C-alpha cells in the first residue's frame, strides 16, 4: 500500500465515522423494525459496528453502510433469510466436542443475510458473488459447507455445487464437512449417495449434486455450476496451467444458464501478494469505497486499519470477530510471542491471524515498510534542467519486461530520485504466466505494451532520448551481453559519448547495493510510485558469492526484479562520477 493509499483510508475512515451517528438514527427509524422482524442479530451487528467504529476496520464499516444503502434500494426477502438461518442452526457441524448444532453469531447473520436478503427487480436473489475474507479460526470453511448443503437440498432441481481450491487437500476440508452433514441427514444412504468426491441423489427426487475439485484435476466438459465455493483462494498465483484461478474461471463461466448463481470466495491472506485474490480484493474494496458499482457483490473483510499495531490486543480483536467464540482470548497473545522467535513464525502470524498479505520481509533485501517510506511520485518533466541524471536499461527479447530507470541527483539537497519505465510486447502478455497481473498493470498505465511479438528497441530508444530533455544525462548504462542493437541505435543518435557497459556480476553490484540501501534507509533516495517497483523489491533478496560480493536475486521463478537491477545500475553510474556525495 502506498502512502497515498494509506492517507486515503485514514481520511475515509474519519469521514465515515463522523457520519455514523446521523446514519444510525435514520436507519433505526427506517429499517430496524424490518431487521428485528427478520432476526435481532442483524441489527445487533450493525449497531455494534456503527456505535463503536474504533473497534472495527474501515472496510467492515463500509460494508455496513453499503448494507443500509441496499436496504433502501432493493426489496428485502425476510422469509428467505429466516429460512436459511433456521436451516443452518438445524445442521450439525464438527467441533471439539463432536458434531453439534451451533447458533449463528451476529457477524455470520450479517454475512448470510447480505447474501440471501436482497432481491433484484425480477424477484431473484441479488447477490451473485461473495468474498468472505477473515483470519484463520473464524469457521469460514464449515460455514461455507452449509451453503452447499442448502443448494443440494433446496436449490435448482439440477443444481451443481462445486468446492474448489489450489490443492486437493484444501478442497477436501470443506467437502468432507459437506459429506459429514449429508451422512447425518441420511445415515442409511436411502436417498443420497455420498462418495469421496461426489454427493448425489439416488431416489429420483432430485438431480442435484455436489463435487470436490482441485486445481490440478482435469475439469470436465458439460459443467453447469449453480454454486461455486473457492477455499483459500489467496494461495492461487498468477501463473499459467493448473491453478486455482483457472479452476475458478472454468467453474464461474459455466453458470450462464442459472437464474441465481452464487460464487463464494472464502480465504485468509497469504504471502502471494500479487496473486488473483489480492487483485480481486482491491476491486471489492473499490466497490465498498463507492468507486465502482456492483450491487451483486458482497464483501466481508477483517484486517487491521493502516495505523494499527501488530502487538495490540485491540488490533487482534478488530481482525478476529470470533474472539472468545471460536478462538480463545489468549490464543493471539501466545501466537504473538511465538512470532518473535523466527521470520517464518512472524509471517504466519501476519498472514493467517492478522489477515495481511505480506512476504517474509526478513529474507527480503529491503522490506515493504522501507520501500513504502521511500516511495514518492517522481515527475521527470518537473525536474530542473540543472540536475544531473543517469539512465540504465535492462532488455528482454520477447516474453518479459524490459526496464528503463532514470536516476536524478539533486546536488543542493544531496538526494536521489529514481523513476522506472516498464515495457513488454503486447502479443506476449496473453501467453505469459503472469498475464493476469500484467494486464492489470497495462490497463492502469504502469506497464507499456509495445507493438508486435518482440520488443521494439526503437520504442525504448525514443524514450531514452526523450528523458534526456529535462535533465543533463551524464551516463547511460547497459548490459553488454544483450543490449548491443539498442546501444548501436543510441550511438547513431548521438549518445555514444555517455554510454557505459555494466557487467551483471556480483562484484559490479556490491558497492551500488550498499550505497543504495544506505540512501533508502537514511531518506536520501526516493523511488517513483509505480507499483511494479514495490513488486520488484518484494521479489528481491540479496545473495552473496564466495568472495562476499552481493547482488539481488529473485526469490521465485516468476517473480521479477528488473526494476531493482536497473535502479542499481543507474545508481552505480552516479557512484562512479559523484563518489564524494555518496
Protein backbone atom coordinates (compact mmCIF):
# COMPACT_ATOMS: atom_id res chain seq x y z
CA UNK A 1 0.00 0.00 0.00
CA UNK A 2 1.40 3.39 -0.98
CA UNK A 3 1.41 6.36 1.37
CA UNK A 4 -1.22 7.96 -0.83
CA UNK A 5 -3.49 4.94 -0.33
CA UNK A 6 -2.83 4.94 3.40
CA UNK A 7 -3.78 8.62 3.57
CA UNK A 8 -6.92 7.89 1.55
CA UNK A 9 -8.00 5.19 4.01
CA UNK A 10 -7.26 7.35 7.06
CA UNK A 11 -9.29 10.23 5.68
CA UNK A 12 -12.12 7.97 4.54
CA UNK A 13 -12.45 6.31 7.94
CA UNK A 14 -12.51 9.70 9.67
CA UNK A 15 -15.19 10.91 7.26
CA UNK A 16 -17.34 7.78 7.53
CA UNK A 17 -17.00 7.69 11.33
CA UNK A 18 -18.23 11.29 11.59
CA UNK A 19 -21.35 10.40 9.57
CA UNK A 20 -22.32 7.29 11.55
CA UNK A 21 -24.46 8.85 14.34
CA UNK A 22 -26.79 10.54 11.85
CA UNK A 23 -26.86 7.43 9.65
CA UNK A 24 -27.73 5.14 12.56
CA UNK A 25 -30.55 7.42 13.71
CA UNK A 26 -32.04 7.36 10.21
CA UNK A 27 -31.57 3.60 9.81
CA UNK A 28 -33.10 2.87 13.20
CA UNK A 29 -36.15 4.84 12.17
CA UNK A 30 -36.46 3.35 8.69
CA UNK A 31 -35.11 -0.20 8.89
CA UNK A 32 -34.63 -1.51 12.42
CA UNK A 33 -38.14 -2.96 12.58
CA UNK A 34 -37.50 -4.85 9.32
CA UNK A 35 -34.22 -6.30 10.57
CA UNK A 36 -35.58 -7.15 14.03
CA UNK A 37 -38.54 -8.93 12.42
CA UNK A 38 -36.05 -10.98 10.41
CA UNK A 39 -33.59 -11.64 13.24
CA UNK A 40 -32.48 -9.21 16.01
CA UNK A 41 -28.85 -10.28 15.49
CA UNK A 42 -28.76 -8.36 12.22
CA UNK A 43 -29.41 -5.03 13.91
CA UNK A 44 -27.17 -6.04 16.84
CA UNK A 45 -24.20 -6.43 14.50
CA UNK A 46 -24.86 -3.21 12.57
CA UNK A 47 -25.34 -1.22 15.77
CA UNK A 48 -22.11 -2.60 17.26
CA UNK A 49 -20.06 -1.68 14.17
CA UNK A 50 -21.52 1.81 13.79
CA UNK A 51 -21.65 2.52 17.51
CA UNK A 52 -18.02 1.62 18.15
CA UNK A 53 -16.10 2.36 14.91
CA UNK A 54 -12.68 2.34 16.62
CA UNK A 55 -13.13 -1.39 17.24
CA UNK A 56 -13.86 -2.13 13.57
CA UNK A 57 -11.80 -1.67 10.42
CA UNK A 58 -12.67 0.75 7.64
CA UNK A 59 -13.93 -1.87 5.21
CA UNK A 60 -16.10 -3.60 7.80
CA UNK A 61 -17.75 -0.22 8.48
CA UNK A 62 -18.14 0.47 4.76
CA UNK A 63 -19.77 -2.94 4.41
CA UNK A 64 -22.42 -1.97 6.94
CA UNK A 65 -23.08 1.46 5.40
CA UNK A 66 -23.40 -0.22 2.00
CA UNK A 67 -25.84 -2.74 3.51
CA UNK A 68 -28.00 0.17 4.68
CA UNK A 69 -27.89 1.69 1.21
CA UNK A 70 -29.06 -1.60 -0.32
CA UNK A 71 -31.90 -1.77 2.21
CA UNK A 72 -33.19 1.49 0.79
CA UNK A 73 -32.76 0.39 -2.82
CA UNK A 74 -33.87 -3.25 -3.09
CA UNK A 75 -36.70 -5.43 -1.69
CA UNK A 76 -35.72 -7.30 1.48
CA UNK A 77 -36.59 -11.01 1.43
CA UNK A 78 -37.19 -11.69 5.12
CA UNK A 79 -38.64 -15.15 4.51
CA UNK A 80 -35.56 -16.41 2.62
CA UNK A 81 -33.15 -15.10 5.28
CA UNK A 82 -35.13 -16.58 8.18
CA UNK A 83 -35.38 -19.91 6.36
CA UNK A 84 -31.61 -20.12 5.85
CA UNK A 85 -30.88 -19.13 9.46
CA UNK A 86 -33.19 -21.89 10.74
CA UNK A 87 -31.66 -24.37 8.29
CA UNK A 88 -28.09 -23.51 9.33
CA UNK A 89 -28.88 -23.86 13.02
CA UNK A 90 -30.52 -27.25 12.38
CA UNK A 91 -27.35 -28.70 10.82
CA UNK A 92 -24.64 -30.38 12.86
CA UNK A 93 -21.04 -29.33 12.33
CA UNK A 94 -17.76 -30.78 13.53
CA UNK A 95 -16.34 -29.31 16.76
CA UNK A 96 -14.03 -30.04 19.66
CA UNK A 97 -16.83 -31.96 21.43
CA UNK A 98 -18.05 -33.86 18.40
CA UNK A 99 -20.75 -32.96 15.93
CA UNK A 100 -23.27 -30.46 17.27
CA UNK A 101 -25.53 -27.59 16.29
CA UNK A 102 -24.27 -24.02 16.51
CA UNK A 103 -26.11 -20.75 16.84
CA UNK A 104 -25.14 -18.16 14.23
CA UNK A 105 -23.13 -15.25 15.58
CA UNK A 106 -24.23 -11.69 14.73
CA UNK A 107 -21.43 -11.31 12.16
CA UNK A 108 -22.43 -14.58 10.48
CA UNK A 109 -26.05 -13.40 10.42
CA UNK A 110 -24.89 -10.24 8.67
CA UNK A 111 -22.85 -12.20 6.12
CA UNK A 112 -25.57 -14.69 5.26
CA UNK A 113 -28.26 -12.01 5.46
CA UNK A 114 -26.36 -9.91 2.93
CA UNK A 115 -26.07 -12.89 0.57
CA UNK A 116 -29.72 -14.05 0.84
CA UNK A 117 -31.59 -10.91 1.87
CA UNK A 118 -31.86 -8.75 -1.23
CA UNK A 119 -33.99 -9.32 -4.34
CA UNK A 120 -33.40 -7.78 -7.73
CA UNK A 121 -36.09 -6.26 -9.93
CA UNK A 122 -37.21 -9.74 -11.06
CA UNK A 123 -37.60 -11.07 -7.53
CA UNK A 124 -34.44 -13.18 -7.75
CA UNK A 125 -31.55 -13.18 -5.30
CA UNK A 126 -29.45 -10.06 -5.92
CA UNK A 127 -26.09 -11.35 -4.69
CA UNK A 128 -24.11 -13.48 -7.14
CA UNK A 129 -20.59 -13.06 -5.73
CA UNK A 130 -19.44 -13.06 -2.11
CA UNK A 131 -15.98 -12.56 -0.58
CA UNK A 132 -15.50 -13.78 2.99
CA UNK A 133 -12.01 -12.54 3.91
CA UNK A 134 -11.36 -13.45 7.52
CA UNK A 135 -8.46 -14.76 9.65
CA UNK A 136 -7.91 -18.39 10.47
CA UNK A 137 -10.22 -20.00 13.05
CA UNK A 138 -13.29 -17.99 12.01
CA UNK A 139 -15.08 -21.23 10.94
CA UNK A 140 -15.40 -19.93 7.40
CA UNK A 141 -14.92 -23.34 5.77
CA UNK A 142 -17.60 -25.09 7.83
CA UNK A 143 -19.95 -22.13 7.32
CA UNK A 144 -19.47 -22.38 3.56
CA UNK A 145 -20.37 -26.07 3.74
CA UNK A 146 -23.89 -25.04 4.82
CA UNK A 147 -24.28 -23.12 1.55
CA UNK A 148 -23.51 -26.25 -0.47
CA UNK A 149 -25.93 -28.38 1.55
CA UNK A 150 -28.62 -25.73 1.11
CA UNK A 151 -28.04 -25.73 -2.66
CA UNK A 152 -28.15 -29.53 -2.76
CA UNK A 153 -31.46 -29.74 -0.92
CA UNK A 154 -33.29 -26.54 -1.88
CA UNK A 155 -31.60 -25.08 -4.96
CA UNK A 156 -32.47 -25.81 -8.58
CA UNK A 157 -33.62 -29.38 -9.16
CA UNK A 158 -30.44 -29.97 -11.18
CA UNK A 159 -28.17 -27.83 -9.02
CA UNK A 160 -24.42 -28.41 -9.21
CA UNK A 161 -22.29 -27.27 -6.26
CA UNK A 162 -18.51 -27.33 -6.62
CA UNK A 163 -15.89 -26.91 -3.93
CA UNK A 164 -12.51 -25.92 -5.35
CA UNK A 165 -9.10 -24.96 -4.05
CA UNK A 166 -5.48 -24.85 -5.16
CA UNK A 167 -4.81 -28.26 -3.65
CA UNK A 168 -6.87 -31.41 -3.31
CA UNK A 169 -6.22 -31.49 0.45
CA UNK A 170 -7.61 -27.97 0.93
CA UNK A 171 -10.69 -28.63 -1.19
CA UNK A 172 -11.36 -31.80 0.80
CA UNK A 173 -11.56 -29.92 4.12
CA UNK A 174 -14.76 -28.14 3.10
CA UNK A 175 -16.09 -31.05 1.07
CA UNK A 176 -15.60 -33.52 3.93
CA UNK A 177 -17.74 -31.27 6.12
CA UNK A 178 -20.46 -31.35 3.44
CA UNK A 179 -20.18 -35.15 3.30
CA UNK A 180 -20.47 -35.45 7.08
CA UNK A 181 -23.56 -33.20 7.16
CA UNK A 182 -25.25 -35.21 4.40
CA UNK A 183 -24.41 -38.52 6.10
CA UNK A 184 -26.01 -37.11 9.24
CA UNK A 185 -29.16 -36.23 7.30
CA UNK A 186 -29.37 -39.61 5.53
CA UNK A 187 -27.24 -42.04 7.58
CA UNK A 188 -28.59 -45.16 5.86
CA UNK A 189 -27.98 -43.80 2.35
CA UNK A 190 -31.57 -44.44 1.32
CA UNK A 191 -31.85 -41.21 -0.67
CA UNK A 192 -28.34 -39.82 -1.09
CA UNK A 193 -25.11 -41.39 -2.32
CA UNK A 194 -22.02 -39.96 -0.61
CA UNK A 195 -18.67 -40.77 -2.19
CA UNK A 196 -15.22 -39.40 -1.54
CA UNK A 197 -15.54 -36.62 -4.14
CA UNK A 198 -19.22 -36.69 -5.18
CA UNK A 199 -22.62 -36.42 -3.49
CA UNK A 200 -25.80 -37.09 -5.47
CA UNK A 201 -29.40 -38.26 -5.04
CA UNK A 202 -30.29 -41.87 -5.81
CA UNK A 203 -34.03 -41.86 -5.13
CA UNK A 204 -35.05 -39.87 -8.22
CA UNK A 205 -36.40 -36.89 -6.26
CA UNK A 206 -33.64 -34.51 -7.35
CA UNK A 207 -30.85 -34.38 -9.94
CA UNK A 208 -28.64 -32.10 -7.83
CA UNK A 209 -25.08 -32.94 -6.88
CA UNK A 210 -22.03 -31.60 -5.05
CA UNK A 211 -18.47 -32.30 -6.12
CA UNK A 212 -14.94 -31.69 -4.90
CA UNK A 213 -12.44 -30.34 -7.43
CA UNK A 214 -8.80 -29.28 -7.11
CA UNK A 215 -6.78 -27.01 -9.36
CA UNK A 216 -4.70 -29.90 -10.69
CA UNK A 217 -7.76 -32.01 -11.54
CA UNK A 218 -8.98 -32.41 -15.11
CA UNK A 219 -12.04 -30.17 -15.42
CA UNK A 220 -14.63 -31.99 -17.49
CA UNK A 221 -16.86 -30.51 -20.17
CA UNK A 222 -20.56 -30.05 -19.54
CA UNK A 223 -20.38 -28.25 -16.19
CA UNK A 224 -23.42 -26.21 -15.22
CA UNK A 225 -22.46 -24.79 -11.82
CA UNK A 226 -25.09 -23.21 -9.59
CA UNK A 227 -22.78 -22.72 -6.58
CA UNK A 228 -19.00 -22.36 -6.57
CA UNK A 229 -17.04 -22.28 -3.32
CA UNK A 230 -13.34 -21.43 -3.69
CA UNK A 231 -11.50 -22.20 -0.45
CA UNK A 232 -8.25 -20.41 0.49
CA UNK A 233 -8.16 -18.67 -2.88
CA UNK A 234 -5.36 -16.39 -1.61
CA UNK A 235 -2.90 -19.21 -2.33
CA UNK A 236 -3.57 -19.00 -6.09
CA UNK A 237 -0.80 -17.45 -8.15
CA UNK A 238 -0.75 -15.55 -11.44
CA UNK A 239 0.67 -18.49 -13.34
CA UNK A 240 -0.49 -20.40 -16.36
CA UNK A 241 -1.58 -24.03 -16.23
CA UNK A 242 -3.39 -25.81 -13.42
CA UNK A 243 -4.10 -23.37 -10.63
CA UNK A 244 -6.98 -22.12 -8.53
CA UNK A 245 -7.59 -19.05 -10.68
CA UNK A 246 -8.06 -21.15 -13.82
CA UNK A 247 -10.35 -23.55 -11.96
CA UNK A 248 -12.46 -20.67 -10.65
CA UNK A 249 -12.78 -19.16 -14.13
CA UNK A 250 -13.83 -22.50 -15.64
CA UNK A 251 -16.48 -23.01 -12.97
CA UNK A 252 -17.93 -19.50 -12.96
CA UNK A 253 -18.04 -19.36 -16.76
CA UNK A 254 -20.36 -22.39 -16.69
CA UNK A 255 -23.08 -20.56 -14.69
CA UNK A 256 -24.71 -18.78 -17.62
CA UNK A 257 -27.99 -20.73 -17.53
CA UNK A 258 -28.56 -20.22 -13.79
CA UNK A 259 -31.05 -17.60 -12.63
CA UNK A 260 -29.48 -17.33 -9.16
CA UNK A 261 -25.82 -18.39 -9.42
CA UNK A 262 -23.57 -17.84 -6.43
CA UNK A 263 -19.77 -17.79 -6.21
CA UNK A 264 -18.34 -17.66 -2.70
CA UNK A 265 -14.65 -16.92 -2.19
CA UNK A 266 -13.53 -17.78 1.34
CA UNK A 267 -9.94 -17.12 2.27
CA UNK A 268 -7.34 -15.86 4.68
CA UNK A 269 -4.42 -13.74 3.44
CA UNK A 270 -1.18 -15.34 2.25
CA UNK A 271 2.32 -14.48 1.08
CA UNK A 272 1.07 -14.40 -2.56
CA UNK A 273 0.90 -10.61 -2.61
CA UNK A 274 0.48 -10.39 -6.39
CA UNK A 275 -2.00 -13.22 -6.89
CA UNK A 276 -5.50 -13.02 -8.39
CA UNK A 277 -7.24 -12.93 -5.00
CA UNK A 278 -5.25 -9.90 -3.79
CA UNK A 279 -6.20 -8.16 -7.04
CA UNK A 280 -9.88 -9.10 -6.73
CA UNK A 281 -9.94 -7.87 -3.14
CA UNK A 282 -8.73 -4.47 -4.25
CA UNK A 283 -11.61 -4.38 -6.71
CA UNK A 284 -14.00 -5.31 -3.90
CA UNK A 285 -12.56 -2.53 -1.73
CA UNK A 286 -13.19 -0.10 -4.60
CA UNK A 287 -16.86 -1.17 -4.55
CA UNK A 288 -17.06 -0.62 -0.79
CA UNK A 289 -15.44 2.81 -1.19
CA UNK A 290 -18.11 3.69 -3.76
CA UNK A 291 -15.64 3.97 -6.64
CA UNK A 292 -17.19 1.07 -8.58
CA UNK A 293 -20.83 -0.04 -8.89
CA UNK A 294 -21.56 -3.71 -8.32
CA UNK A 295 -24.62 -4.36 -6.17
CA UNK A 296 -24.45 -8.07 -6.96
CA UNK A 297 -21.24 -8.40 -4.96
CA UNK A 298 -20.92 -8.78 -1.19
CA UNK A 299 -17.62 -8.46 0.69
CA UNK A 300 -16.89 -9.04 4.37
CA UNK A 301 -13.29 -8.08 5.20
CA UNK A 302 -11.45 -8.28 8.50
CA UNK A 303 -7.92 -6.89 8.78
CA UNK A 304 -6.14 -4.03 10.60
CA UNK A 305 -6.54 -0.38 9.73
CA UNK A 306 -3.46 1.30 8.28
CA UNK A 307 -2.03 2.57 11.60
CA UNK A 308 -2.94 -0.37 13.85
CA UNK A 309 -0.11 -2.00 15.80
CA UNK A 310 0.51 -5.71 15.30
CA UNK A 311 1.11 -6.32 19.03
CA UNK A 312 -2.02 -4.54 20.26
CA UNK A 313 -4.85 -6.74 21.65
CA UNK A 314 -7.33 -4.18 20.29
CA UNK A 315 -5.98 -4.92 16.81
CA UNK A 316 -6.37 -8.65 17.41
CA UNK A 317 -10.00 -8.21 18.43
CA UNK A 318 -10.61 -5.97 15.41
CA UNK A 319 -9.38 -8.55 12.90
CA UNK A 320 -10.90 -11.62 14.62
CA UNK A 321 -14.66 -11.13 15.05
CA UNK A 322 -14.96 -14.56 16.69
CA UNK A 323 -12.55 -13.78 19.53
CA UNK A 324 -13.92 -15.63 22.53
CA UNK A 325 -16.29 -17.65 20.30
CA UNK A 326 -14.22 -19.95 18.08
CA UNK A 327 -10.86 -18.51 19.21
CA UNK A 328 -9.70 -18.45 22.82
CA UNK A 329 -8.93 -14.99 24.24
CA UNK A 330 -5.28 -15.88 24.95
CA UNK A 331 -4.59 -17.52 21.57
CA UNK A 332 -3.34 -14.37 19.84
CA UNK A 333 -1.13 -13.47 22.80
CA UNK A 334 0.58 -16.87 22.65
CA UNK A 335 0.99 -16.74 18.89
CA UNK A 336 2.41 -13.21 19.03
CA UNK A 337 5.07 -14.43 21.47
CA UNK A 338 5.86 -17.33 19.13
CA UNK A 339 6.04 -14.92 16.18
CA UNK A 340 9.08 -13.27 17.73
CA UNK A 341 11.07 -16.49 17.53
CA UNK A 342 11.56 -16.70 13.75
CA UNK A 343 10.77 -14.93 10.47
CA UNK A 344 8.53 -17.83 9.39
CA UNK A 345 6.50 -17.56 12.60
CA UNK A 346 6.10 -13.81 12.12
CA UNK A 347 4.97 -14.32 8.52
CA UNK A 348 2.38 -16.87 9.66
CA UNK A 349 1.08 -14.52 12.36
CA UNK A 350 0.71 -11.65 9.92
CA UNK A 351 -0.93 -13.61 7.10
CA UNK A 352 -3.07 -16.11 9.00
CA UNK A 353 -4.03 -14.23 12.17
CA UNK A 354 -3.81 -10.55 11.19
CA UNK A 355 -5.07 -11.35 7.67
CA UNK A 356 -2.43 -9.21 5.93
CA UNK A 357 -0.89 -10.04 2.56
CA UNK A 358 2.89 -9.93 3.06
CA UNK A 359 6.12 -11.80 2.35
CA UNK A 360 8.87 -12.93 4.68
CA UNK A 361 10.41 -9.48 4.93
CA UNK A 362 13.46 -10.55 6.92
CA UNK A 363 14.53 -12.57 3.89
CA UNK A 364 13.88 -9.60 1.59
CA UNK A 365 16.63 -7.11 0.89
CA UNK A 366 14.54 -4.02 1.63
CA UNK A 367 11.21 -4.69 3.37
CA UNK A 368 7.89 -3.18 2.34
CA UNK A 369 7.88 -0.56 5.11
CA UNK A 370 11.29 0.64 3.96
CA UNK A 371 10.25 0.84 0.31
CA UNK A 372 6.95 2.47 1.19
CA UNK A 373 8.73 5.18 3.19
CA UNK A 374 10.98 5.86 0.18
CA UNK A 375 8.14 5.96 -2.36
CA UNK A 376 7.23 9.31 -3.90
CA UNK A 377 5.67 10.46 -7.14
CA UNK A 378 8.59 11.41 -9.36
CA UNK A 379 7.66 13.83 -12.13
CA UNK A 380 10.59 13.89 -14.56
CA UNK A 381 9.17 16.80 -16.56
CA UNK A 382 9.16 18.99 -13.44
CA UNK A 383 12.83 18.37 -12.63
CA UNK A 384 15.12 21.37 -13.10
CA UNK A 385 17.38 21.33 -16.12
CA UNK A 386 20.43 21.80 -13.91
CA UNK A 387 20.01 18.34 -12.34
CA UNK A 388 22.30 15.52 -13.42
CA UNK A 389 20.75 12.22 -14.40
CA UNK A 390 21.73 8.67 -15.33
CA UNK A 391 19.75 6.12 -17.32
CA UNK A 392 20.03 2.33 -17.18
CA UNK A 393 18.35 -0.25 -19.36
CA UNK A 394 17.68 -3.98 -18.97
CA UNK A 395 16.25 -5.61 -22.09
CA UNK A 396 14.17 -8.70 -22.71
CA UNK A 397 13.73 -10.22 -26.14
CA UNK A 398 10.12 -11.33 -26.27
CA UNK A 399 8.30 -12.74 -23.26
CA UNK A 400 9.09 -10.48 -20.35
CA UNK A 401 9.81 -6.99 -19.07
CA UNK A 402 12.27 -4.53 -20.44
CA UNK A 403 13.01 -1.84 -17.87
CA UNK A 404 14.48 1.65 -18.14
CA UNK A 405 15.38 3.50 -14.94
CA UNK A 406 16.22 7.17 -14.76
CA UNK A 407 18.11 8.44 -11.74
CA UNK A 408 18.06 12.15 -10.91
CA UNK A 409 20.51 13.78 -8.48
CA UNK A 410 19.53 16.94 -6.60
CA UNK A 411 23.00 18.25 -5.70
CA UNK A 412 21.67 21.01 -3.45
CA UNK A 413 19.79 18.64 -1.16
CA UNK A 414 22.04 15.63 -1.79
CA UNK A 415 19.06 13.45 -2.73
CA UNK A 416 18.44 10.91 -5.49
CA UNK A 417 15.16 10.19 -7.29
CA UNK A 418 14.53 7.07 -9.40
CA UNK A 419 11.75 6.60 -11.95
CA UNK A 420 11.44 3.31 -13.84
CA UNK A 421 9.54 2.58 -17.03
CA UNK A 422 8.47 -0.96 -17.89
CA UNK A 423 7.85 -2.30 -21.41
CA UNK A 424 6.59 -5.56 -22.88
CA UNK A 425 5.46 -6.80 -26.33
CA UNK A 426 1.67 -6.71 -26.43
CA UNK A 427 1.38 -10.15 -28.03
CA UNK A 428 3.50 -11.79 -25.31
CA UNK A 429 1.17 -10.74 -22.47
CA UNK A 430 -1.58 -13.19 -23.47
CA UNK A 431 0.67 -16.26 -23.04
CA UNK A 432 2.81 -15.14 -20.12
CA UNK A 433 2.48 -16.97 -16.74
CA UNK A 434 1.88 -13.59 -15.05
CA UNK A 435 -0.62 -12.46 -17.68
CA UNK A 436 -3.40 -11.51 -15.24
CA UNK A 437 -1.13 -9.23 -13.26
CA UNK A 438 0.48 -7.75 -16.38
CA UNK A 439 -2.89 -6.99 -17.98
CA UNK A 440 -3.99 -5.10 -14.88
CA UNK A 441 -0.78 -3.06 -14.81
CA UNK A 442 -1.11 -2.27 -18.51
CA UNK A 443 -4.71 -1.12 -18.03
CA UNK A 444 -3.60 1.16 -15.19
CA UNK A 445 -0.77 2.66 -17.27
CA UNK A 446 2.10 1.18 -15.25
CA UNK A 447 3.29 -1.25 -17.96
CA UNK A 448 3.70 -0.02 -21.53
CA UNK A 449 2.85 -2.53 -24.25
CA UNK A 450 4.85 -2.25 -27.47
CA UNK A 451 3.53 -3.44 -30.84
CA UNK A 452 4.39 -6.89 -32.16
CA UNK A 453 5.71 -10.15 -30.73
CA UNK A 454 9.20 -8.94 -29.80
CA UNK A 455 10.35 -5.82 -28.00
CA UNK A 456 10.71 -2.83 -30.32
CA UNK A 457 14.08 -1.30 -29.44
CA UNK A 458 13.22 1.89 -31.30
CA UNK A 459 10.38 2.42 -28.83
CA UNK A 460 12.82 2.21 -25.92
CA UNK A 461 15.46 4.30 -27.70
CA UNK A 462 12.97 7.12 -28.24
CA UNK A 463 12.01 7.00 -24.57
CA UNK A 464 15.66 7.27 -23.51
CA UNK A 465 16.29 10.19 -25.83
CA UNK A 466 13.13 11.89 -24.55
CA UNK A 467 14.33 11.55 -20.95
CA UNK A 468 17.47 13.50 -21.80
CA UNK A 469 15.41 16.70 -22.11
CA UNK A 470 14.55 17.86 -18.58
CA UNK A 471 17.97 16.98 -17.09
CA UNK A 472 21.59 16.55 -18.13
CA UNK A 473 22.28 12.87 -18.77
CA UNK A 474 25.83 12.06 -17.67
CA UNK A 475 25.73 8.31 -18.38
CA UNK A 476 23.59 5.57 -19.95
CA UNK A 477 24.22 2.09 -18.57
CA UNK A 478 23.53 -1.22 -20.27
CA UNK A 479 24.26 -4.93 -20.04
CA UNK A 480 26.99 -5.64 -22.62
CA UNK A 481 25.78 -9.22 -23.00
CA UNK A 482 22.39 -8.39 -24.52
CA UNK A 483 21.99 -4.71 -25.42
CA UNK A 484 24.24 -4.30 -28.47
CA UNK A 485 21.48 -3.48 -31.00
CA UNK A 486 19.97 -0.76 -28.81
CA UNK A 487 23.38 0.68 -28.00
CA UNK A 488 24.23 0.92 -31.70
CA UNK A 489 20.97 2.78 -32.26
CA UNK A 490 21.71 5.18 -29.40
CA UNK A 491 25.26 5.77 -30.65
CA UNK A 492 23.92 6.63 -34.09
CA UNK A 493 21.51 9.08 -32.43
CA UNK A 494 24.44 10.91 -30.79
CA UNK A 495 24.55 9.36 -27.31
CA UNK A 496 27.76 7.38 -27.83
CA UNK A 497 29.90 9.52 -25.51
CA UNK A 498 27.82 8.75 -22.40
CA UNK A 499 27.18 5.02 -22.91
CA UNK A 500 28.70 2.76 -20.23
CA UNK A 501 28.67 -1.04 -20.09
CA UNK A 502 27.88 -2.60 -16.69
CA UNK A 503 28.60 -6.29 -16.41
CA UNK A 504 25.98 -8.23 -14.46
CA UNK A 505 28.42 -9.73 -11.96
CA UNK A 506 28.25 -9.75 -8.17
CA UNK A 507 31.41 -7.64 -7.96
CA UNK A 508 29.94 -4.90 -10.15
CA UNK A 509 26.83 -4.57 -7.96
CA UNK A 510 28.31 -4.79 -4.45
CA UNK A 511 29.13 -1.14 -3.81
CA UNK A 512 25.90 0.05 -5.51
CA UNK A 513 23.84 -2.26 -3.27
CA UNK A 514 25.49 -0.91 -0.12
CA UNK A 515 25.18 2.73 -1.17
CA UNK A 516 21.57 2.32 -2.37
CA UNK A 517 20.48 0.66 0.87
CA UNK A 518 22.08 3.38 3.00
CA UNK A 519 20.39 6.03 0.86
CA UNK A 520 16.95 4.46 1.17
CA UNK A 521 17.24 3.95 4.93
CA UNK A 522 18.51 7.48 5.58
CA UNK A 523 15.92 9.28 3.44
CA UNK A 524 18.29 10.31 0.64
CA UNK A 525 16.89 8.02 -2.07
CA UNK A 526 13.31 8.15 -3.32
CA UNK A 527 11.54 5.74 -5.67
CA UNK A 528 8.64 6.50 -8.01
CA UNK A 529 5.19 5.22 -7.01
CA UNK A 530 4.74 2.81 -9.93
CA UNK A 531 3.51 -0.35 -8.10
CA UNK A 532 5.76 -2.55 -10.24
CA UNK A 533 8.70 -1.08 -8.32
CA UNK A 534 7.36 -2.33 -4.98
CA UNK A 535 6.60 -5.68 -6.61
CA UNK A 536 10.19 -5.99 -7.84
CA UNK A 537 11.65 -5.13 -4.42
CA UNK A 538 9.31 -7.63 -2.72
CA UNK A 539 10.71 -10.33 -5.02
CA UNK A 540 14.38 -9.47 -4.38
CA UNK A 541 16.76 -10.89 -1.81
CA UNK A 542 20.46 -10.09 -1.52
CA UNK A 543 22.68 -13.01 -2.46
CA UNK A 544 26.42 -13.36 -1.77
CA UNK A 545 29.11 -15.15 -3.73
CA UNK A 546 32.14 -16.89 -2.22
CA UNK A 547 34.01 -13.54 -2.08
CA UNK A 548 31.12 -11.88 -0.21
CA UNK A 549 30.21 -9.77 -3.22
CA UNK A 550 26.47 -9.12 -3.32
CA UNK A 551 23.75 -8.79 -5.92
CA UNK A 552 19.92 -9.02 -5.79
CA UNK A 553 18.35 -12.26 -6.98
CA UNK A 554 14.68 -13.20 -7.32
CA UNK A 555 13.01 -15.35 -4.67
CA UNK A 556 10.90 -17.45 -7.04
CA UNK A 557 10.82 -18.29 -10.71
CA UNK A 558 8.08 -15.97 -11.92
CA UNK A 559 8.99 -13.08 -9.63
CA UNK A 560 10.53 -10.09 -11.39
CA UNK A 561 13.33 -7.83 -10.12
CA UNK A 562 14.16 -5.95 -13.35
CA UNK A 563 13.38 -2.55 -11.85
CA UNK A 564 15.67 -3.24 -8.89
CA UNK A 565 18.53 -4.10 -11.24
CA UNK A 566 18.14 -1.03 -13.44
CA UNK A 567 17.86 1.30 -10.43
CA UNK A 568 21.10 -0.15 -9.05
CA UNK A 569 22.76 0.24 -12.44
CA UNK A 570 21.67 3.89 -12.58
CA UNK A 571 22.91 4.38 -9.02
CA UNK A 572 26.26 2.81 -9.84
CA UNK A 573 26.71 5.29 -12.68
CA UNK A 574 26.24 8.09 -10.12
CA UNK A 575 28.65 6.39 -7.75
CA UNK A 576 31.32 6.28 -10.44
CA UNK A 577 31.11 10.05 -11.03
CA UNK A 578 29.75 11.50 -7.75
CA UNK A 579 31.71 9.48 -5.21
CA UNK A 580 32.24 12.32 -2.68
CA UNK A 581 28.48 12.79 -2.09
CA UNK A 582 27.58 9.11 -1.69
